[in-house]
Amino acid sequence: MRIAVFGASGFTGSLAIAQAHRRGFVPVLVGRNADRLARTAEAAGLPDPEIRVATLDDIDALTAAFADCDAVLNTAGPFTLWGEPVIRAALAARVHYVDTAGEQGYIHRVLETFGGAAQQAGITIVPAMADDGGPGDLIAALTAARLGAPVEDFLIADLRIPVAGGASRGTARSMAAILDSPALEFSDGAWHLGHGAPLAPLTPPGETTPIPVSAFALPGIATIPRHVTARRVRNAMRAEAGDLFAALTPEVVDSIPEVPDLDARNASRWLMLAEATAADGTRARGWVTGIDGYRHTAVIAVEAARRLATGAAPAGALTPAQAFDPADFLDYLTTEGVDWAVETTATV
């Protein structure tokens, strides 16, 4: 199996290359700088690397780079700025596409605009297969199904605890790129621009003390309403993490290392929480969590590319839960150190 990784020389791309190689796939390194791609291949221990130079302004070269591959994995953000040319090249090459985007507006735009072209090309496009959007969408589907009643209110929350030195420059750059973009909310069957209404504190699984949270433009608002019928879908982030992202400036972004500290990564835990509430107050709750979101992003994205390459999903632009069986995908992630659960419904 041949998986083209665009942005292979970046931090997330290099992790994806190593993960694909570990699993016995053939990673095809695609980017703009041959020397950097070669260094990435050497670091990953690739004995005979396939390196292809192509830039975003040359769709023909990108198409040629992808043409003999089984799937394209795009790791080069900010996706808001650079994502769509890679999708267009994957369409032209008729090769399945997955990315690691966490940018809400970009994800929404991809799902809204590329479905018809993907169906015509006979390929599947799945954005948001990172440690937030992918597991968050999968656990959302399972939580809503567990409720067993129409969903009045659905909440998806990113409750990771920020760790000093644990974020990459690429993550910071992607977050900074969307800070001035209006966030989406979903209610009564439609998306509209949100205003970040105050949210009640949440108690994370395994903890006893509620923590403050704030509205944040998470991928789930763009994905969950496409497969969960709910009157309202909201999103939240641990307030201290949201405050750190809100404080990003170009100067701060440039000061952040490209590669985050390994000890900080190993000390970090990501956690996506989903809560579905019926009109009578009955509630279902699900969560998925793991250590080192960057490593798990590579695991999630490479597994998604593998499943697309084997024909696991229908053609179109799909959310993670539309493309893959949620429980089966999350069960696979448990072999990589991820934990997930959905609680029995309860009346609150």
Protein backbone atom coordinates (compact mmCIF):
# COMPACT_ATOMS: atom_id res chain seq x y z
CA MET A 1 0.00 0.00 0.00
CA ARG A 2 1.35 3.39 -1.06
CA ILE A 3 0.41 6.43 1.01
CA ALA A 4 1.46 9.85 -0.25
CA VAL A 5 2.19 12.22 2.63
CA PHE A 6 2.09 15.87 1.65
CA GLY A 7 4.05 18.08 4.01
CA ALA A 8 6.17 15.06 4.87
CA SER A 9 9.12 17.09 6.14
CA GLY A 10 7.03 18.91 8.76
CA PHE A 11 6.68 17.65 12.30
CA THR A 12 3.33 15.90 11.92
CA GLY A 13 4.29 14.69 8.47
CA SER A 14 7.48 13.10 9.77
CA LEU A 15 5.49 11.26 12.45
CA ALA A 16 3.07 10.02 9.78
CA ILE A 17 5.96 8.82 7.61
CA ALA A 18 7.43 6.88 10.52
CA GLN A 19 4.04 5.41 11.42
CA ALA A 20 3.33 4.30 7.84
CA HIS A 21 6.76 2.70 7.60
CA ARG A 22 6.29 0.96 10.95
CA ARG A 23 3.08 -0.60 9.70
CA GLY A 24 4.67 -1.92 6.54
CA PHE A 25 3.20 0.59 4.10
CA VAL A 26 5.17 2.47 1.45
CA PRO A 27 5.22 6.17 2.34
CA VAL A 28 5.70 8.53 -0.60
CA LEU A 29 7.21 11.79 0.66
CA VAL A 30 5.80 14.85 -1.12
CA GLY A 31 6.79 18.46 -0.46
CA ARG A 32 8.62 21.45 -1.81
CA ASN A 33 12.16 20.80 -0.57
CA ALA A 34 14.00 17.64 -1.65
CA ASP A 35 16.76 17.99 0.95
CA ARG A 36 14.31 18.26 3.84
CA LEU A 37 12.33 15.31 2.52
CA ALA A 38 15.53 13.26 2.31
CA ARG A 39 16.41 14.09 5.91
CA THR A 40 12.92 13.05 6.99
CA ALA A 41 13.26 9.75 5.15
CA GLU A 42 16.65 9.10 6.76
CA ALA A 43 15.31 9.86 10.24
CA ALA A 44 12.42 7.43 9.65
CA GLY A 45 14.83 4.71 8.57
CA LEU A 46 13.45 4.35 5.05
CA PRO A 47 15.92 2.19 3.08
CA ASP A 48 14.89 3.35 -0.40
CA PRO A 49 12.67 6.41 0.01
CA GLU A 50 10.31 7.69 -2.65
CA ILE A 51 10.69 11.47 -2.70
CA ARG A 52 8.65 13.71 -4.97
CA VAL A 53 8.95 17.49 -5.12
CA ALA A 54 5.73 19.37 -5.80
CA THR A 55 4.43 22.74 -4.69
CA LEU A 56 0.94 24.02 -4.01
CA ASP A 57 1.00 26.33 -7.03
CA ASP A 58 1.66 23.43 -9.42
CA ILE A 59 -1.46 21.24 -9.42
CA ASP A 60 -0.14 19.17 -12.33
CA ALA A 61 2.99 18.25 -10.37
CA LEU A 62 0.95 17.43 -7.27
CA THR A 63 -1.41 15.29 -9.33
CA ALA A 64 1.50 13.39 -10.83
CA ALA A 65 3.02 12.89 -7.37
CA PHE A 66 -0.22 11.30 -6.12
CA ALA A 67 -1.26 9.38 -9.23
CA ASP A 68 0.13 5.92 -8.39
CA CYS A 69 -0.72 6.06 -4.68
CA ASP A 70 -3.62 4.46 -2.83
CA ALA A 71 -4.32 7.44 -0.59
CA VAL A 72 -3.12 10.99 0.08
CA LEU A 73 -2.49 12.13 3.65
CA ASN A 74 -2.16 15.90 3.95
CA THR A 75 -0.36 17.14 7.08
CA ALA A 76 0.59 20.65 5.88
CA GLY A 77 -1.24 23.39 7.76
CA PRO A 78 -2.61 25.95 8.13
CA PHE A 79 -5.17 24.11 6.04
CA THR A 80 -7.26 27.24 5.79
CA LEU A 81 -4.48 28.66 3.61
CA TRP A 82 -2.97 25.58 1.98
CA GLY A 83 -5.42 22.69 2.11
CA GLU A 84 -7.61 23.01 -0.96
CA PRO A 85 -4.92 22.68 -3.67
CA VAL A 86 -3.96 19.29 -2.24
CA ILE A 87 -7.60 18.18 -2.35
CA ARG A 88 -7.91 19.32 -5.96
CA ALA A 89 -4.80 17.36 -6.90
CA ALA A 90 -6.15 14.25 -5.16
CA LEU A 91 -9.38 14.66 -7.11
CA ALA A 92 -7.48 15.00 -10.37
CA ALA A 93 -5.44 11.89 -9.54
CA ARG A 94 -8.57 10.04 -8.34
CA VAL A 95 -6.89 9.11 -5.07
CA HIS A 96 -8.59 9.05 -1.65
CA TYR A 97 -7.76 11.99 0.61
CA VAL A 98 -7.46 12.45 4.39
CA ASP A 99 -5.97 15.30 6.41
CA THR A 100 -5.12 16.26 9.97
CA ALA A 101 -6.92 19.61 9.99
CA GLY A 102 -8.38 21.05 13.16
CA GLU A 103 -9.58 24.30 11.61
CA GLN A 104 -13.36 24.45 11.88
CA GLY A 105 -14.06 26.77 8.96
CA TYR A 106 -11.85 24.82 6.56
CA ILE A 107 -13.40 21.49 7.58
CA HIS A 108 -16.91 22.89 7.10
CA ARG A 109 -16.00 24.28 3.68
CA VAL A 110 -14.51 20.97 2.51
CA LEU A 111 -17.58 19.00 3.56
CA GLU A 112 -19.91 21.57 1.99
CA THR A 113 -18.16 21.99 -1.37
CA PHE A 114 -16.22 18.88 -2.38
CA GLY A 115 -18.82 16.11 -2.02
CA GLY A 116 -20.04 16.18 -5.61
CA ALA A 117 -16.56 16.27 -7.10
CA ALA A 118 -15.45 13.40 -4.87
CA GLN A 119 -18.42 11.27 -5.92
CA GLN A 120 -17.75 12.02 -9.57
CA ALA A 121 -14.09 11.05 -9.14
CA GLY A 122 -15.04 7.92 -7.20
CA ILE A 123 -12.93 8.87 -4.16
CA THR A 124 -13.49 9.63 -0.49
CA ILE A 125 -12.40 12.88 1.16
CA VAL A 126 -12.17 12.85 4.96
CA PRO A 127 -10.85 15.96 6.73
CA ALA A 128 -10.17 16.33 10.47
CA MET A 129 -8.44 13.02 11.23
CA ALA A 130 -6.34 14.37 14.09
CA ASP A 131 -6.56 13.72 17.83
CA ASP A 132 -9.48 16.14 18.24
CA GLY A 133 -11.69 16.01 15.14
CA GLY A 134 -11.36 12.29 14.40
CA PRO A 135 -11.95 10.73 17.83
CA GLY A 136 -14.35 13.54 18.72
CA ASP A 137 -16.60 12.78 15.75
CA LEU A 138 -16.43 9.02 16.32
CA ILE A 139 -17.30 9.20 20.03
CA ALA A 140 -20.07 11.68 19.23
CA ALA A 141 -21.80 9.15 16.98
CA LEU A 142 -21.62 6.44 19.64
CA THR A 143 -22.81 8.77 22.42
CA ALA A 144 -25.82 9.96 20.44
CA ALA A 145 -26.72 6.35 19.58
CA ARG A 146 -26.49 5.35 23.25
CA LEU A 147 -28.98 8.05 24.26
CA GLY A 148 -31.77 6.13 22.56
CA ALA A 149 -33.93 9.23 22.23
CA PRO A 150 -34.01 12.40 20.10
CA VAL A 151 -31.09 14.66 21.01
CA GLU A 152 -32.07 18.07 22.31
CA ASP A 153 -28.58 19.31 23.12
CA PHE A 154 -25.20 17.90 22.11
CA LEU A 155 -21.90 19.10 23.53
CA ILE A 156 -18.43 18.17 22.26
CA ALA A 157 -15.57 19.33 24.47
CA ASP A 158 -11.79 19.29 24.19
CA LEU A 159 -10.58 18.95 27.77
CA ARG A 160 -6.86 18.43 27.26
CA ILE A 161 -4.60 20.03 29.85
CA PRO A 162 -2.01 22.35 28.28
CA VAL A 163 1.60 21.41 29.05
CA ALA A 164 4.47 23.87 28.71
CA GLY A 165 6.47 23.04 25.58
CA GLY A 166 3.87 20.54 24.39
CA ALA A 167 2.62 22.36 21.28
CA SER A 168 4.37 22.60 17.93
CA ARG A 169 4.85 25.75 15.89
CA GLY A 170 2.61 24.23 13.23
CA THR A 171 -0.26 23.82 15.69
CA ALA A 172 0.21 27.38 16.91
CA ARG A 173 0.31 28.68 13.34
CA SER A 174 -2.90 26.86 12.44
CA MET A 175 -4.70 28.15 15.53
CA ALA A 176 -3.45 31.70 14.94
CA ALA A 177 -4.75 31.53 11.36
CA ILE A 178 -8.33 31.06 12.55
CA LEU A 179 -8.48 33.28 15.63
CA ASP A 180 -10.04 36.15 13.70
CA SER A 181 -12.45 33.88 11.82
CA PRO A 182 -16.02 33.73 13.16
CA ALA A 183 -16.87 30.44 14.86
CA LEU A 184 -19.87 28.36 13.86
CA GLU A 185 -22.77 27.25 16.00
CA PHE A 186 -25.49 24.79 15.03
CA SER A 187 -29.13 24.98 16.05
CA ASP A 188 -32.56 24.19 14.60
CA GLY A 189 -31.17 22.51 11.51
CA ALA A 190 -28.68 25.15 10.36
CA TRP A 191 -25.20 26.52 10.96
CA HIS A 192 -24.80 30.16 11.86
CA LEU A 193 -22.10 32.40 13.25
CA GLY A 194 -21.69 31.96 16.99
CA HIS A 195 -21.08 34.43 19.76
CA GLY A 196 -19.36 32.21 22.31
CA ALA A 197 -22.15 32.14 24.90
CA PRO A 198 -20.98 31.25 28.43
CA LEU A 199 -20.88 27.55 29.28
CA ALA A 200 -21.32 25.82 32.61
CA PRO A 201 -18.23 24.12 34.08
CA LEU A 202 -17.67 20.47 33.17
CA THR A 203 -16.36 17.60 35.26
CA PRO A 204 -13.90 15.53 33.18
CA PRO A 205 -14.12 11.74 33.41
CA GLY A 206 -12.15 10.45 36.37
CA GLU A 207 -12.20 13.81 38.14
CA THR A 208 -14.50 15.17 40.82
CA THR A 209 -14.07 18.92 40.48
CA PRO A 210 -15.78 20.87 37.68
CA ILE A 211 -13.45 22.92 35.50
CA PRO A 212 -14.19 26.15 33.62
CA VAL A 213 -14.67 25.82 29.87
CA SER A 214 -15.23 28.30 27.08
CA ALA A 215 -16.66 28.13 23.59
CA PHE A 216 -14.04 27.38 20.96
CA ALA A 217 -14.13 26.65 17.23
CA LEU A 218 -13.70 22.87 17.38
CA PRO A 219 -14.00 20.55 14.35
CA GLY A 220 -17.07 18.86 15.85
CA ILE A 221 -19.43 21.71 15.02
CA ALA A 222 -18.60 21.18 11.34
CA THR A 223 -18.87 17.38 11.46
CA ILE A 224 -21.30 16.15 14.13
CA PRO A 225 -24.54 17.72 12.81
CA ARG A 226 -24.04 15.84 9.54
CA HIS A 227 -24.75 12.49 11.21
CA VAL A 228 -26.29 13.32 14.61
CA THR A 229 -29.79 14.80 14.54
CA ALA A 230 -29.84 17.32 17.36
CA ARG A 231 -31.67 20.57 17.94
CA ARG A 232 -28.46 22.19 19.13
CA VAL A 233 -24.77 21.28 18.92
CA ARG A 234 -22.25 23.20 21.03
CA ASN A 235 -18.51 22.97 21.56
CA ALA A 236 -16.21 23.80 24.45
CA MET A 237 -12.55 23.79 25.38
CA ARG A 238 -10.84 23.78 28.76
CA ALA A 239 -10.67 27.51 29.49
CA GLU A 240 -6.94 27.64 30.23
CA ALA A 241 -6.16 26.00 26.88
CA GLY A 242 -8.51 28.34 25.03
CA ASP A 243 -6.88 31.33 26.70
CA LEU A 244 -3.45 30.20 25.51
CA PHE A 245 -4.63 29.89 21.91
CA ALA A 246 -6.37 33.27 22.13
CA ALA A 247 -3.09 34.89 23.19
CA LEU A 248 -1.20 33.78 20.07
CA THR A 249 0.43 36.52 18.03
CA PRO A 250 2.81 36.18 15.06
CA GLU A 251 5.72 36.89 17.40
CA VAL A 252 4.61 34.22 19.87
CA VAL A 253 4.11 31.69 17.06
CA ASP A 254 7.61 32.31 15.69
CA SER A 255 9.09 31.72 19.14
CA ILE A 256 7.58 28.24 19.49
CA PRO A 257 9.87 25.34 18.48
CA GLU A 258 8.91 23.45 15.34
CA VAL A 259 9.27 20.16 17.23
CA PRO A 260 7.71 20.09 20.70
CA ASP A 261 9.62 18.74 23.65
CA LEU A 262 9.34 14.94 23.87
CA ASP A 263 9.03 14.93 27.66
CA ALA A 264 6.20 17.45 27.41
CA ARG A 265 4.45 15.34 24.79
CA ASN A 266 4.73 12.26 26.99
CA ALA A 267 3.34 14.22 29.93
CA SER A 268 0.34 15.47 27.99
CA ARG A 269 -3.06 13.81 27.76
CA TRP A 270 -5.72 14.67 25.22
CA LEU A 271 -9.38 14.11 26.06
CA MET A 272 -12.49 14.51 23.91
CA LEU A 273 -15.80 14.45 25.80
CA ALA A 274 -19.26 14.11 24.25
CA GLU A 275 -22.55 14.65 26.04
CA ALA A 276 -25.97 14.05 24.48
CA THR A 277 -29.08 15.22 26.35
CA ALA A 278 -32.71 14.48 25.53
CA ALA A 279 -35.61 16.86 26.15
CA ASP A 280 -36.53 15.02 29.38
CA GLY A 281 -33.00 15.38 30.75
CA THR A 282 -31.83 11.86 29.97
CA ARG A 283 -28.12 11.97 29.18
CA ALA A 284 -25.45 9.81 27.58
CA ARG A 285 -21.77 10.58 27.95
CA GLY A 286 -18.77 9.31 26.03
CA TRP A 287 -15.09 10.10 25.97
CA VAL A 288 -11.86 9.14 24.25
CA THR A 289 -8.41 9.92 25.58
CA GLY A 290 -4.71 9.19 25.16
CA ILE A 291 -1.18 10.40 25.85
CA ASP A 292 0.75 12.49 23.27
CA GLY A 293 -1.76 13.83 20.79
CA TYR A 294 0.88 14.25 18.09
CA ARG A 295 1.80 10.57 18.08
CA HIS A 296 -1.86 9.61 18.09
CA THR A 297 -2.63 12.04 15.27
CA ALA A 298 -0.16 10.14 13.10
CA VAL A 299 -1.70 6.82 14.18
CA ILE A 300 -5.24 8.06 13.47
CA ALA A 301 -4.42 9.60 10.09
CA VAL A 302 -2.42 6.64 8.78
CA GLU A 303 -5.13 4.19 9.84
CA ALA A 304 -7.73 6.36 8.12
CA ALA A 305 -5.67 6.38 4.92
CA ARG A 306 -5.34 2.59 5.12
CA ARG A 307 -9.07 2.11 5.50
CA LEU A 308 -9.84 4.44 2.61
CA ALA A 309 -7.35 2.62 0.41
CA THR A 310 -9.11 -0.69 1.08
CA GLY A 311 -12.46 0.72 -0.01
CA ALA A 312 -13.95 1.02 3.48
CA ALA A 313 -15.97 4.16 2.73
CA PRO A 314 -18.36 5.38 0.03
CA ALA A 315 -17.32 8.13 -2.36
CA GLY A 316 -17.93 11.68 -1.23
CA ALA A 317 -16.76 14.24 1.30
CA LEU A 318 -17.47 12.60 4.64
CA THR A 319 -16.94 13.15 8.34
CA PRO A 320 -14.87 10.54 10.21
CA ALA A 321 -18.01 8.88 11.62
CA GLN A 322 -19.62 8.76 8.17
CA ALA A 323 -16.53 7.21 6.59
CA PHE A 324 -15.63 4.64 9.25
CA ASP A 325 -17.37 2.39 11.74
CA PRO A 326 -16.92 4.42 14.95
CA ALA A 327 -16.59 1.58 17.46
CA ASP A 328 -14.33 -0.45 15.19
CA PHE A 329 -12.00 2.49 14.58
CA LEU A 330 -11.83 3.38 18.28
CA ASP A 331 -11.23 -0.26 19.16
CA TYR A 332 -8.25 -0.23 16.81
CA LEU A 333 -6.92 2.85 18.61
CA THR A 334 -6.96 0.99 21.92
CA THR A 335 -4.10 -1.13 20.53
CA GLU A 336 -2.13 2.14 20.36
CA GLY A 337 -2.81 3.24 23.94
CA VAL A 338 -6.12 5.06 23.50
CA ASP A 339 -9.00 4.55 25.97
CA TRP A 340 -12.66 5.17 25.20
CA ALA A 341 -16.02 4.57 26.83
CA VAL A 342 -19.69 5.48 26.58
CA GLU A 343 -21.62 5.65 29.82
CA THR A 344 -25.04 4.17 30.32
CA THR A 345 -27.73 6.80 29.96
CA ALA A 346 -28.91 8.50 33.11
CA THR A 347 -31.56 11.02 34.05
CA VAL A 348 -30.23 14.33 35.31
